[in-house]
Amino acid sequence: MKTTPLVVIILSVLLMSCDDKKELKLEEKPPKTFQNKGHKLVSTMVNKVGDYKTLLDKKDVVYTYTYTTADGKSDISTEKYIFDGELSYGSYEHHERTFPDLEGQIEQGFDGSEYWLKHNGEIVQDEDRLKKVAFNRPTNFYWFAMFQKLLDPSVNYEFVKEETINETEYDIVKVTFNSDDNQPTDIYQLYINKETSMVDQFLFTVADFGVIETPYLMILD
């Protein structure tokens, strides 16, 4: 879908000292430039859903998150986020994927400085489990705020192709991220609905766990 950059007209009222008349001065703001077609498509999508400032203005959110993998196993958690500082909390009553060996309620969170884990109200100090919490918390948060963050300077865009799936036409955009230490980063492939300019589904890799060659599919409902 092609879009035309918006040109903002700024009206300045100048008072004329000689005869008190008002003059309107028109000043054009340069149109936004894009890396490529993929960048432009993502920008159009973000304009529809709002940028990260939109989330900051809302301050926080509480929602129920259900995550089911291809093998039928699922987690159901109550997620709570504070957008300023990206603070995160998750309470799991059903957790077939996350620590399935632990029975009962699991709570995990990020308080702005460290990650923590509780099992049935008791603090868990196990280092291996805390490493998983350190992956889960920012990942869940990012997936919630992902589209609002896709115009960050560290993001790269590549238009891949057009494709029709179940009679719906899509523009497919590959998204990668700059890495400070040259380590592999996650790769996303967005399926942007041509009619709505929204993402209906995306493929993603998980570099931290070596899932690179065969990406996962996330379908949004």
N, C-alpha and C. Protein backbone atom coordinates (compact mmCIF):
# COMPACT_ATOMS: atom_id res chain seq x y z
N MET A 1 0.85 -1.18 0.00
CA MET A 1 0.00 0.00 0.00
C MET A 1 0.89 1.23 0.00
N LYS A 2 0.68 2.14 -0.96
CA LYS A 2 1.47 3.35 -1.02
C LYS A 2 0.85 4.42 -0.16
N THR A 3 1.69 5.16 0.50
CA THR A 3 1.19 6.26 1.30
C THR A 3 1.94 7.52 0.92
N THR A 4 1.33 8.66 1.12
CA THR A 4 1.96 9.94 0.84
C THR A 4 2.39 10.59 2.13
N PRO A 5 3.66 10.99 2.24
CA PRO A 5 4.10 11.63 3.48
C PRO A 5 3.28 12.88 3.75
N LEU A 6 2.99 13.12 5.02
CA LEU A 6 2.23 14.29 5.40
C LEU A 6 3.13 15.51 5.42
N VAL A 7 2.62 16.59 4.86
CA VAL A 7 3.33 17.86 4.92
C VAL A 7 2.62 18.74 5.92
N VAL A 8 3.34 19.16 6.93
CA VAL A 8 2.75 19.98 7.98
C VAL A 8 2.96 21.44 7.63
N ILE A 9 1.87 22.19 7.61
CA ILE A 9 1.95 23.61 7.34
C ILE A 9 1.90 24.35 8.67
N ILE A 10 2.91 25.14 8.94
CA ILE A 10 2.98 25.91 10.17
C ILE A 10 2.59 27.35 9.87
N LEU A 11 1.58 27.83 10.56
CA LEU A 11 1.12 29.19 10.36
C LEU A 11 1.73 30.09 11.42
N SER A 12 2.44 31.10 10.98
CA SER A 12 3.04 32.06 11.90
C SER A 12 2.40 33.42 11.66
N VAL A 13 1.94 34.03 12.72
CA VAL A 13 1.32 35.34 12.62
C VAL A 13 2.33 36.39 13.03
N LEU A 14 2.65 37.27 12.10
CA LEU A 14 3.61 38.33 12.35
C LEU A 14 2.88 39.66 12.45
N LEU A 15 3.16 40.42 13.45
CA LEU A 15 2.57 41.75 13.60
C LEU A 15 3.44 42.76 12.88
N MET A 16 2.83 43.49 11.99
CA MET A 16 3.53 44.52 11.24
C MET A 16 3.56 45.80 12.07
N SER A 17 4.73 46.30 12.38
CA SER A 17 4.83 47.48 13.25
C SER A 17 4.34 48.74 12.57
N CYS A 18 4.40 48.76 11.23
CA CYS A 18 4.06 49.99 10.55
C CYS A 18 2.56 50.23 10.46
N ASP A 19 1.79 49.19 10.19
CA ASP A 19 0.35 49.43 10.02
C ASP A 19 -0.53 48.41 10.74
N ASP A 20 0.04 47.67 11.70
CA ASP A 20 -0.73 46.75 12.53
C ASP A 20 -1.42 45.64 11.72
N LYS A 21 -0.99 45.36 10.53
CA LYS A 21 -1.62 44.31 9.73
C LYS A 21 -0.99 42.97 10.10
N LYS A 22 -1.76 41.87 9.95
CA LYS A 22 -1.27 40.53 10.24
C LYS A 22 -0.85 39.85 8.94
N GLU A 23 0.23 39.15 9.00
CA GLU A 23 0.73 38.45 7.83
C GLU A 23 0.89 36.97 8.18
N LEU A 24 0.46 36.10 7.29
CA LEU A 24 0.60 34.66 7.50
C LEU A 24 1.82 34.17 6.75
N LYS A 25 2.70 33.51 7.47
CA LYS A 25 3.89 32.96 6.85
C LYS A 25 3.76 31.45 6.79
N LEU A 26 3.89 30.87 5.60
CA LEU A 26 3.77 29.43 5.43
C LEU A 26 5.16 28.81 5.41
N GLU A 27 5.33 27.83 6.26
CA GLU A 27 6.62 27.15 6.32
C GLU A 27 6.38 25.66 6.21
N GLU A 28 7.01 25.02 5.24
CA GLU A 28 6.81 23.59 5.02
C GLU A 28 7.84 22.78 5.79
N LYS A 29 7.35 21.76 6.50
CA LYS A 29 8.24 20.82 7.18
C LYS A 29 8.66 19.77 6.17
N PRO A 30 9.97 19.47 6.06
CA PRO A 30 10.41 18.49 5.07
C PRO A 30 9.70 17.15 5.27
N PRO A 31 9.27 16.51 4.17
CA PRO A 31 8.60 15.21 4.31
C PRO A 31 9.54 14.17 4.91
N LYS A 32 8.97 13.24 5.65
CA LYS A 32 9.76 12.21 6.29
C LYS A 32 10.42 11.33 5.25
N THR A 33 11.67 10.97 5.48
CA THR A 33 12.38 10.09 4.56
C THR A 33 12.41 8.68 5.14
N PHE A 34 12.45 7.69 4.25
CA PHE A 34 12.42 6.29 4.65
C PHE A 34 13.64 5.56 4.10
N GLN A 35 14.07 4.53 4.82
CA GLN A 35 15.18 3.70 4.35
C GLN A 35 14.83 3.04 3.03
N ASN A 36 13.61 2.56 2.95
CA ASN A 36 13.17 1.81 1.78
C ASN A 36 11.65 1.58 1.89
N LYS A 37 11.11 0.77 0.98
CA LYS A 37 9.67 0.50 0.97
C LYS A 37 9.22 -0.18 2.26
N GLY A 38 10.05 -1.10 2.77
CA GLY A 38 9.70 -1.79 4.01
C GLY A 38 9.54 -0.82 5.17
N HIS A 39 10.45 0.13 5.27
CA HIS A 39 10.39 1.15 6.33
C HIS A 39 9.10 1.96 6.21
N LYS A 40 8.74 2.32 5.00
CA LYS A 40 7.53 3.11 4.78
C LYS A 40 6.28 2.33 5.19
N LEU A 41 6.23 1.04 4.87
CA LEU A 41 5.09 0.21 5.24
C LEU A 41 4.97 0.09 6.76
N VAL A 42 6.10 -0.10 7.43
CA VAL A 42 6.08 -0.20 8.89
C VAL A 42 5.66 1.13 9.51
N SER A 43 6.13 2.23 8.96
CA SER A 43 5.75 3.55 9.47
C SER A 43 4.25 3.77 9.36
N THR A 44 3.66 3.36 8.25
CA THR A 44 2.21 3.48 8.07
C THR A 44 1.47 2.67 9.12
N MET A 45 1.96 1.46 9.41
CA MET A 45 1.34 0.61 10.42
C MET A 45 1.43 1.25 11.80
N VAL A 46 2.61 1.79 12.15
CA VAL A 46 2.80 2.41 13.46
C VAL A 46 1.91 3.64 13.60
N ASN A 47 1.72 4.38 12.52
CA ASN A 47 0.82 5.53 12.58
C ASN A 47 -0.61 5.12 12.95
N LYS A 48 -0.98 3.89 12.62
CA LYS A 48 -2.33 3.41 12.95
C LYS A 48 -2.42 2.93 14.40
N VAL A 49 -1.40 2.24 14.88
CA VAL A 49 -1.48 1.67 16.23
C VAL A 49 -0.94 2.63 17.30
N GLY A 50 -0.18 3.64 16.88
CA GLY A 50 0.42 4.56 17.83
C GLY A 50 1.86 4.19 18.13
N ASP A 51 2.68 5.19 18.49
CA ASP A 51 4.07 4.92 18.82
C ASP A 51 4.22 4.67 20.32
N TYR A 52 5.47 4.56 20.79
CA TYR A 52 5.66 4.21 22.21
C TYR A 52 5.17 5.30 23.15
N LYS A 53 5.17 6.54 22.68
CA LYS A 53 4.64 7.63 23.52
C LYS A 53 3.17 7.39 23.83
N THR A 54 2.46 6.76 22.89
CA THR A 54 1.05 6.42 23.12
C THR A 54 0.92 5.52 24.34
N LEU A 55 1.83 4.54 24.47
CA LEU A 55 1.80 3.65 25.63
C LEU A 55 2.23 4.38 26.90
N LEU A 56 3.24 5.22 26.80
CA LEU A 56 3.69 5.98 27.98
C LEU A 56 2.56 6.84 28.53
N ASP A 57 1.76 7.40 27.64
CA ASP A 57 0.63 8.23 28.08
C ASP A 57 -0.41 7.41 28.83
N LYS A 58 -0.51 6.11 28.49
CA LYS A 58 -1.47 5.24 29.17
C LYS A 58 -0.91 4.71 30.49
N LYS A 59 0.39 4.82 30.69
CA LYS A 59 1.11 4.48 31.93
C LYS A 59 1.26 2.99 32.17
N ASP A 60 0.17 2.19 32.14
CA ASP A 60 0.29 0.77 32.46
C ASP A 60 -0.81 -0.03 31.78
N VAL A 61 -0.74 -1.35 31.91
CA VAL A 61 -1.74 -2.23 31.31
C VAL A 61 -1.80 -3.54 32.09
N VAL A 62 -2.97 -4.16 32.12
CA VAL A 62 -3.17 -5.49 32.68
C VAL A 62 -3.95 -6.30 31.65
N TYR A 63 -3.48 -7.50 31.31
CA TYR A 63 -4.19 -8.32 30.33
C TYR A 63 -3.88 -9.80 30.56
N THR A 64 -4.70 -10.66 29.98
CA THR A 64 -4.48 -12.10 30.05
C THR A 64 -3.78 -12.56 28.78
N TYR A 65 -2.68 -13.27 28.95
CA TYR A 65 -1.85 -13.70 27.82
C TYR A 65 -1.87 -15.22 27.74
N THR A 66 -2.31 -15.73 26.59
CA THR A 66 -2.31 -17.17 26.33
C THR A 66 -1.31 -17.47 25.22
N TYR A 67 -0.36 -18.34 25.51
CA TYR A 67 0.67 -18.69 24.53
C TYR A 67 0.67 -20.20 24.35
N THR A 68 0.35 -20.66 23.13
CA THR A 68 0.27 -22.09 22.84
C THR A 68 1.24 -22.43 21.72
N THR A 69 2.04 -23.46 21.91
CA THR A 69 3.01 -23.88 20.90
C THR A 69 2.41 -25.00 20.05
N ALA A 70 3.16 -25.37 18.99
CA ALA A 70 2.66 -26.34 18.03
C ALA A 70 2.36 -27.70 18.65
N ASP A 71 3.01 -28.03 19.76
CA ASP A 71 2.78 -29.32 20.41
C ASP A 71 1.55 -29.30 21.32
N GLY A 72 0.84 -28.18 21.34
CA GLY A 72 -0.39 -28.08 22.12
C GLY A 72 -0.21 -27.62 23.55
N LYS A 73 1.03 -27.45 23.99
CA LYS A 73 1.28 -26.99 25.36
C LYS A 73 1.09 -25.48 25.44
N SER A 74 0.58 -25.03 26.58
CA SER A 74 0.27 -23.60 26.67
C SER A 74 0.58 -23.03 28.06
N ASP A 75 0.77 -21.74 28.07
CA ASP A 75 0.86 -20.94 29.29
C ASP A 75 -0.27 -19.93 29.28
N ILE A 76 -0.88 -19.71 30.43
CA ILE A 76 -1.88 -18.64 30.57
C ILE A 76 -1.45 -17.79 31.76
N SER A 77 -1.18 -16.54 31.50
CA SER A 77 -0.68 -15.66 32.56
C SER A 77 -1.43 -14.34 32.57
N THR A 78 -1.51 -13.76 33.76
CA THR A 78 -2.00 -12.38 33.90
C THR A 78 -0.78 -11.49 33.87
N GLU A 79 -0.69 -10.64 32.85
CA GLU A 79 0.47 -9.79 32.65
C GLU A 79 0.16 -8.36 33.08
N LYS A 80 1.11 -7.75 33.78
CA LYS A 80 0.97 -6.35 34.20
C LYS A 80 2.27 -5.62 33.84
N TYR A 81 2.16 -4.51 33.11
CA TYR A 81 3.33 -3.75 32.70
C TYR A 81 3.18 -2.29 33.08
N ILE A 82 4.29 -1.67 33.47
CA ILE A 82 4.40 -0.22 33.60
C ILE A 82 5.35 0.21 32.48
N PHE A 83 4.87 1.07 31.58
CA PHE A 83 5.64 1.36 30.36
C PHE A 83 6.88 2.20 30.62
N ASP A 84 6.83 3.12 31.57
CA ASP A 84 8.00 3.92 31.90
C ASP A 84 8.97 3.06 32.70
N GLY A 85 10.06 2.64 32.07
CA GLY A 85 11.01 1.74 32.71
C GLY A 85 10.82 0.29 32.32
N GLU A 86 9.73 -0.01 31.59
CA GLU A 86 9.44 -1.36 31.11
C GLU A 86 9.40 -2.38 32.25
N LEU A 87 8.75 -1.99 33.34
CA LEU A 87 8.57 -2.92 34.46
C LEU A 87 7.54 -3.97 34.08
N SER A 88 7.73 -5.20 34.58
CA SER A 88 6.93 -6.32 34.09
C SER A 88 6.63 -7.31 35.20
N TYR A 89 5.39 -7.84 35.18
CA TYR A 89 4.96 -8.85 36.16
C TYR A 89 4.07 -9.86 35.44
N GLY A 90 4.25 -11.15 35.76
CA GLY A 90 3.40 -12.19 35.21
C GLY A 90 3.03 -13.21 36.27
N SER A 91 1.74 -13.54 36.37
CA SER A 91 1.25 -14.55 37.30
C SER A 91 0.68 -15.71 36.49
N TYR A 92 1.28 -16.89 36.64
CA TYR A 92 0.91 -18.08 35.86
C TYR A 92 0.15 -19.07 36.74
N GLU A 93 -1.10 -19.30 36.41
CA GLU A 93 -1.86 -20.37 37.05
C GLU A 93 -1.77 -21.65 36.22
N HIS A 94 -1.59 -21.48 34.91
CA HIS A 94 -1.47 -22.61 33.97
C HIS A 94 -0.14 -22.44 33.24
N HIS A 95 0.77 -23.41 33.42
CA HIS A 95 2.11 -23.24 32.84
C HIS A 95 2.67 -24.59 32.41
N GLU A 96 2.27 -25.05 31.24
CA GLU A 96 2.78 -26.30 30.68
C GLU A 96 4.13 -26.09 30.00
N ARG A 97 4.46 -24.85 29.65
CA ARG A 97 5.72 -24.54 28.97
C ARG A 97 6.75 -23.94 29.94
N THR A 98 6.28 -23.08 30.82
CA THR A 98 7.18 -22.38 31.74
C THR A 98 7.23 -23.12 33.07
N PHE A 99 8.36 -23.74 33.37
CA PHE A 99 8.55 -24.50 34.61
C PHE A 99 7.39 -25.49 34.86
N PRO A 100 7.16 -26.43 33.93
CA PRO A 100 6.07 -27.38 34.09
C PRO A 100 6.26 -28.31 35.29
N ASP A 101 7.49 -28.41 35.79
CA ASP A 101 7.75 -29.27 36.94
C ASP A 101 7.29 -28.65 38.25
N LEU A 102 6.96 -27.38 38.24
CA LEU A 102 6.48 -26.70 39.45
C LEU A 102 4.96 -26.67 39.45
N GLU A 103 4.36 -27.18 40.51
CA GLU A 103 2.90 -27.18 40.61
C GLU A 103 2.41 -25.95 41.37
N GLY A 104 1.30 -25.42 40.92
CA GLY A 104 0.75 -24.25 41.60
C GLY A 104 1.11 -22.95 40.89
N GLN A 105 0.92 -21.86 41.60
CA GLN A 105 1.12 -20.54 41.01
C GLN A 105 2.60 -20.19 40.87
N ILE A 106 2.92 -19.62 39.72
CA ILE A 106 4.25 -19.08 39.47
C ILE A 106 4.10 -17.58 39.23
N GLU A 107 4.93 -16.79 39.90
CA GLU A 107 4.98 -15.35 39.66
C GLU A 107 6.41 -14.98 39.27
N GLN A 108 6.53 -14.11 38.30
CA GLN A 108 7.85 -13.65 37.90
C GLN A 108 7.76 -12.18 37.52
N GLY A 109 8.87 -11.46 37.68
CA GLY A 109 8.80 -10.04 37.39
C GLY A 109 10.15 -9.40 37.18
N PHE A 110 10.09 -8.15 36.69
CA PHE A 110 11.26 -7.29 36.56
C PHE A 110 10.91 -5.96 37.20
N ASP A 111 11.67 -5.55 38.22
CA ASP A 111 11.33 -4.36 39.00
C ASP A 111 12.11 -3.11 38.60
N GLY A 112 12.81 -3.21 37.47
CA GLY A 112 13.60 -2.08 37.00
C GLY A 112 15.08 -2.28 37.20
N SER A 113 15.45 -3.19 38.10
CA SER A 113 16.87 -3.45 38.35
C SER A 113 17.20 -4.94 38.36
N GLU A 114 16.26 -5.80 38.74
CA GLU A 114 16.55 -7.23 38.76
C GLU A 114 15.29 -8.05 38.49
N TYR A 115 15.54 -9.30 38.09
CA TYR A 115 14.45 -10.25 37.83
C TYR A 115 14.23 -11.10 39.06
N TRP A 116 12.99 -11.50 39.29
CA TRP A 116 12.69 -12.33 40.46
C TRP A 116 11.64 -13.38 40.09
N LEU A 117 11.58 -14.45 40.91
CA LEU A 117 10.66 -15.56 40.68
C LEU A 117 10.10 -16.05 42.00
N LYS A 118 8.80 -16.31 42.03
CA LYS A 118 8.14 -16.90 43.19
C LYS A 118 7.36 -18.13 42.77
N HIS A 119 7.36 -19.15 43.65
CA HIS A 119 6.55 -20.35 43.46
C HIS A 119 5.66 -20.51 44.68
N ASN A 120 4.37 -20.42 44.45
CA ASN A 120 3.39 -20.46 45.55
C ASN A 120 3.74 -19.46 46.66
N GLY A 121 4.16 -18.28 46.23
CA GLY A 121 4.43 -17.20 47.17
C GLY A 121 5.82 -17.18 47.76
N GLU A 122 6.62 -18.23 47.49
CA GLU A 122 7.97 -18.31 48.06
C GLU A 122 9.01 -17.91 47.01
N ILE A 123 9.98 -17.09 47.42
CA ILE A 123 11.04 -16.65 46.52
C ILE A 123 11.89 -17.84 46.06
N VAL A 124 12.18 -17.90 44.76
CA VAL A 124 13.03 -18.94 44.19
C VAL A 124 14.34 -18.29 43.74
N GLN A 125 15.47 -18.84 44.19
CA GLN A 125 16.77 -18.25 43.90
C GLN A 125 17.57 -19.04 42.86
N ASP A 126 16.97 -20.07 42.28
CA ASP A 126 17.67 -20.93 41.33
C ASP A 126 18.15 -20.12 40.12
N GLU A 127 19.45 -20.16 39.86
CA GLU A 127 20.05 -19.32 38.82
C GLU A 127 19.54 -19.68 37.42
N ASP A 128 19.40 -20.98 37.13
CA ASP A 128 18.92 -21.40 35.81
C ASP A 128 17.49 -20.93 35.57
N ARG A 129 16.66 -21.02 36.60
CA ARG A 129 15.27 -20.56 36.44
C ARG A 129 15.24 -19.04 36.25
N LEU A 130 16.08 -18.32 36.97
CA LEU A 130 16.10 -16.86 36.85
C LEU A 130 16.57 -16.42 35.47
N LYS A 131 17.43 -17.23 34.83
CA LYS A 131 17.84 -16.92 33.46
C LYS A 131 16.65 -17.00 32.51
N LYS A 132 15.76 -17.96 32.75
CA LYS A 132 14.56 -18.08 31.92
C LYS A 132 13.61 -16.91 32.18
N VAL A 133 13.54 -16.49 33.44
CA VAL A 133 12.73 -15.31 33.77
C VAL A 133 13.28 -14.09 33.04
N ALA A 134 14.62 -13.98 33.01
CA ALA A 134 15.27 -12.85 32.35
C ALA A 134 15.04 -12.86 30.85
N PHE A 135 14.65 -14.01 30.31
CA PHE A 135 14.24 -14.08 28.91
C PHE A 135 12.75 -13.81 28.75
N ASN A 136 11.94 -14.43 29.61
CA ASN A 136 10.48 -14.31 29.48
C ASN A 136 9.98 -12.89 29.65
N ARG A 137 10.47 -12.20 30.69
CA ARG A 137 9.90 -10.89 31.01
C ARG A 137 10.08 -9.88 29.87
N PRO A 138 11.31 -9.64 29.38
CA PRO A 138 11.44 -8.68 28.28
C PRO A 138 10.80 -9.16 26.99
N THR A 139 10.76 -10.50 26.78
CA THR A 139 10.15 -11.01 25.56
C THR A 139 8.65 -10.76 25.55
N ASN A 140 7.97 -11.10 26.65
CA ASN A 140 6.53 -10.86 26.73
C ASN A 140 6.22 -9.37 26.60
N PHE A 141 7.02 -8.55 27.28
CA PHE A 141 6.82 -7.11 27.20
C PHE A 141 7.00 -6.62 25.76
N TYR A 142 8.06 -7.11 25.12
CA TYR A 142 8.35 -6.64 23.75
C TYR A 142 7.23 -7.03 22.80
N TRP A 143 6.71 -8.24 22.92
CA TRP A 143 5.64 -8.64 22.01
C TRP A 143 4.40 -7.78 22.19
N PHE A 144 4.15 -7.33 23.42
CA PHE A 144 3.01 -6.44 23.63
C PHE A 144 3.26 -5.07 23.00
N ALA A 145 4.48 -4.54 23.16
CA ALA A 145 4.79 -3.19 22.70
C ALA A 145 5.56 -3.19 21.38
N MET A 146 5.65 -4.34 20.75
CA MET A 146 6.51 -4.51 19.58
C MET A 146 6.21 -3.50 18.47
N PHE A 147 4.97 -3.39 18.09
CA PHE A 147 4.65 -2.54 16.94
C PHE A 147 4.91 -1.07 17.26
N GLN A 148 4.68 -0.67 18.51
CA GLN A 148 4.94 0.72 18.90
C GLN A 148 6.44 1.05 18.92
N LYS A 149 7.30 0.01 18.96
CA LYS A 149 8.75 0.22 19.06
C LYS A 149 9.46 -0.01 17.73
N LEU A 150 8.72 -0.30 16.67
CA LEU A 150 9.36 -0.69 15.41
C LEU A 150 9.96 0.48 14.63
N LEU A 151 9.82 1.69 15.12
CA LEU A 151 10.48 2.82 14.46
C LEU A 151 11.73 3.27 15.22
N ASP A 152 12.19 2.44 16.17
CA ASP A 152 13.41 2.75 16.91
C ASP A 152 14.60 2.85 15.94
N PRO A 153 15.59 3.69 16.22
CA PRO A 153 16.74 3.85 15.32
C PRO A 153 17.53 2.57 15.07
N SER A 154 17.45 1.60 15.97
CA SER A 154 18.24 0.38 15.83
C SER A 154 17.61 -0.64 14.89
N VAL A 155 16.45 -0.32 14.33
CA VAL A 155 15.70 -1.27 13.50
C VAL A 155 16.06 -1.09 12.02
N ASN A 156 16.22 -2.22 11.33
CA ASN A 156 16.46 -2.22 9.88
C ASN A 156 15.29 -2.89 9.18
N TYR A 157 15.00 -2.46 7.96
CA TYR A 157 13.82 -2.93 7.25
C TYR A 157 14.21 -3.42 5.85
N GLU A 158 13.52 -4.48 5.41
CA GLU A 158 13.73 -4.99 4.06
C GLU A 158 12.38 -5.48 3.51
N PHE A 159 11.94 -4.89 2.40
CA PHE A 159 10.72 -5.38 1.77
C PHE A 159 11.04 -6.70 1.08
N VAL A 160 10.29 -7.75 1.41
CA VAL A 160 10.58 -9.08 0.89
C VAL A 160 9.78 -9.37 -0.37
N LYS A 161 8.45 -9.30 -0.26
CA LYS A 161 7.60 -9.62 -1.41
C LYS A 161 6.14 -9.36 -1.05
N GLU A 162 5.28 -9.51 -2.04
CA GLU A 162 3.84 -9.53 -1.83
C GLU A 162 3.38 -10.99 -1.86
N GLU A 163 2.39 -11.30 -1.04
CA GLU A 163 1.89 -12.68 -0.98
C GLU A 163 0.42 -12.68 -0.61
N THR A 164 -0.33 -13.63 -1.19
CA THR A 164 -1.74 -13.78 -0.87
C THR A 164 -1.93 -15.06 -0.05
N ILE A 165 -2.55 -14.93 1.12
CA ILE A 165 -2.82 -16.06 2.00
C ILE A 165 -4.31 -16.07 2.33
N ASN A 166 -4.98 -17.17 1.99
CA ASN A 166 -6.43 -17.28 2.24
C ASN A 166 -7.18 -16.05 1.71
N GLU A 167 -6.84 -15.67 0.48
CA GLU A 167 -7.49 -14.57 -0.23
C GLU A 167 -7.21 -13.19 0.37
N THR A 168 -6.28 -13.11 1.31
CA THR A 168 -5.88 -11.82 1.87
C THR A 168 -4.50 -11.46 1.34
N GLU A 169 -4.36 -10.24 0.83
CA GLU A 169 -3.10 -9.80 0.25
C GLU A 169 -2.21 -9.15 1.31
N TYR A 170 -0.93 -9.53 1.28
CA TYR A 170 0.02 -9.04 2.28
C TYR A 170 1.26 -8.45 1.63
N ASP A 171 1.81 -7.42 2.27
CA ASP A 171 3.17 -6.97 2.03
C ASP A 171 4.02 -7.58 3.14
N ILE A 172 5.11 -8.24 2.77
CA ILE A 172 5.95 -8.91 3.75
C ILE A 172 7.23 -8.10 3.95
N VAL A 173 7.50 -7.75 5.19
CA VAL A 173 8.66 -6.92 5.53
C VAL A 173 9.53 -7.65 6.55
N LYS A 174 10.81 -7.76 6.25
CA LYS A 174 11.77 -8.36 7.18
C LYS A 174 12.35 -7.28 8.08
N VAL A 175 12.37 -7.55 9.38
CA VAL A 175 12.87 -6.59 10.36
C VAL A 175 14.04 -7.21 11.12
N THR A 176 15.16 -6.51 11.14
CA THR A 176 16.33 -6.95 11.90
C THR A 176 16.77 -5.81 12.82
N PHE A 177 17.70 -6.12 13.72
CA PHE A 177 18.11 -5.15 14.74
C PHE A 177 19.63 -5.04 14.79
N ASN A 178 20.12 -3.83 14.98
CA ASN A 178 21.56 -3.63 15.15
C ASN A 178 22.01 -4.23 16.48
N SER A 179 23.20 -4.82 16.48
CA SER A 179 23.75 -5.43 17.68
C SER A 179 25.06 -4.75 18.05
N ASP A 180 25.18 -4.33 19.31
CA ASP A 180 26.40 -3.66 19.77
C ASP A 180 27.60 -4.60 19.80
N ASP A 181 27.35 -5.89 20.04
CA ASP A 181 28.45 -6.84 20.18
C ASP A 181 28.55 -7.81 19.00
N ASN A 182 27.83 -7.50 17.90
CA ASN A 182 27.86 -8.32 16.68
C ASN A 182 27.34 -9.74 16.90
N GLN A 183 26.60 -9.96 17.98
CA GLN A 183 25.98 -11.25 18.21
C GLN A 183 24.68 -11.35 17.41
N PRO A 184 24.25 -12.57 17.05
CA PRO A 184 22.99 -12.72 16.31
C PRO A 184 21.82 -12.14 17.09
N THR A 185 20.92 -11.49 16.39
CA THR A 185 19.72 -10.94 17.02
C THR A 185 18.49 -11.58 16.39
N ASP A 186 17.36 -11.43 17.05
CA ASP A 186 16.12 -11.98 16.52
C ASP A 186 15.75 -11.31 15.20
N ILE A 187 15.09 -12.08 14.34
CA ILE A 187 14.63 -11.58 13.05
C ILE A 187 13.12 -11.76 12.98
N TYR A 188 12.43 -10.74 12.55
CA TYR A 188 10.98 -10.79 12.40
C TYR A 188 10.61 -10.60 10.93
N GLN A 189 9.60 -11.33 10.50
CA GLN A 189 9.06 -11.17 9.16
C GLN A 189 7.58 -10.84 9.30
N LEU A 190 7.23 -9.60 9.04
CA LEU A 190 5.87 -9.10 9.27
C LEU A 190 5.00 -9.29 8.05
N TYR A 191 3.79 -9.78 8.27
CA TYR A 191 2.79 -9.90 7.20
C TYR A 191 1.80 -8.76 7.39
N ILE A 192 1.98 -7.69 6.61
CA ILE A 192 1.17 -6.49 6.75
C ILE A 192 0.00 -6.55 5.78
N ASN A 193 -1.20 -6.59 6.33
CA ASN A 193 -2.43 -6.66 5.55
C ASN A 193 -2.54 -5.41 4.68
N LYS A 194 -2.65 -5.60 3.36
CA LYS A 194 -2.70 -4.46 2.44
C LYS A 194 -3.94 -3.60 2.66
N GLU A 195 -5.03 -4.22 3.06
CA GLU A 195 -6.28 -3.48 3.22
C GLU A 195 -6.29 -2.67 4.51
N THR A 196 -5.79 -3.26 5.60
CA THR A 196 -5.87 -2.60 6.91
C THR A 196 -4.58 -1.91 7.34
N SER A 197 -3.46 -2.24 6.67
CA SER A 197 -2.12 -1.76 7.06
C SER A 197 -1.70 -2.28 8.43
N MET A 198 -2.35 -3.33 8.92
CA MET A 198 -2.02 -3.93 10.21
C MET A 198 -1.31 -5.26 10.00
N VAL A 199 -0.56 -5.69 11.03
CA VAL A 199 0.13 -6.98 10.98
C VAL A 199 -0.83 -8.07 11.45
N ASP A 200 -1.09 -9.05 10.59
CA ASP A 200 -1.97 -10.17 10.94
C ASP A 200 -1.18 -11.34 11.53
N GLN A 201 0.07 -11.47 11.14
CA GLN A 201 0.91 -12.55 11.65
C GLN A 201 2.37 -12.19 11.40
N PHE A 202 3.27 -12.89 12.09
CA PHE A 202 4.69 -12.67 11.82
C PHE A 202 5.49 -13.93 12.15
N LEU A 203 6.58 -14.11 11.44
CA LEU A 203 7.56 -15.15 11.73
C LEU A 203 8.65 -14.53 12.60
N PHE A 204 9.22 -15.32 13.51
CA PHE A 204 10.29 -14.77 14.35
C PHE A 204 11.28 -15.86 14.73
N THR A 205 12.52 -15.45 14.89
CA THR A 205 13.56 -16.34 15.38
C THR A 205 13.85 -16.00 16.84
N VAL A 206 14.49 -16.92 17.54
CA VAL A 206 14.88 -16.69 18.94
C VAL A 206 16.37 -16.99 19.04
N ALA A 207 17.18 -15.95 18.81
CA ALA A 207 18.63 -16.14 18.74
C ALA A 207 19.21 -16.68 20.04
N ASP A 208 18.65 -16.27 21.17
CA ASP A 208 19.18 -16.71 22.47
C ASP A 208 19.10 -18.22 22.65
N PHE A 209 18.14 -18.87 21.96
CA PHE A 209 17.97 -20.32 22.08
C PHE A 209 18.31 -21.03 20.78
N GLY A 210 19.00 -20.36 19.87
CA GLY A 210 19.46 -20.99 18.64
C GLY A 210 18.38 -21.27 17.62
N VAL A 211 17.20 -20.68 17.78
CA VAL A 211 16.11 -20.88 16.82
C VAL A 211 16.26 -19.82 15.73
N ILE A 212 17.02 -20.15 14.69
CA ILE A 212 17.31 -19.18 13.64
C ILE A 212 16.89 -19.69 12.27
N GLU A 213 17.26 -20.93 11.96
CA GLU A 213 16.98 -21.47 10.63
C GLU A 213 15.49 -21.74 10.41
N THR A 214 14.79 -22.20 11.46
CA THR A 214 13.36 -22.51 11.34
C THR A 214 12.59 -21.60 12.28
N PRO A 215 12.06 -20.49 11.78
CA PRO A 215 11.38 -19.52 12.66
C PRO A 215 10.03 -20.02 13.14
N TYR A 216 9.55 -19.43 14.23
CA TYR A 216 8.22 -19.69 14.74
C TYR A 216 7.22 -18.75 14.06
N LEU A 217 5.96 -19.15 14.08
CA LEU A 217 4.89 -18.33 13.52
C LEU A 217 3.98 -17.84 14.64
N MET A 218 3.73 -16.54 14.67
CA MET A 218 2.78 -15.94 15.61
C MET A 218 1.61 -15.38 14.82
N ILE A 219 0.40 -15.87 15.11
CA ILE A 219 -0.82 -15.38 14.45
C ILE A 219 -1.57 -14.51 15.44
N LEU A 220 -1.89 -13.29 15.03
CA LEU A 220 -2.57 -12.34 15.90
C LEU A 220 -4.07 -12.41 15.69
N ASP A 221 -4.81 -12.38 16.79
CA ASP A 221 -6.27 -12.46 16.72
C ASP A 221 -6.86 -11.18 17.32
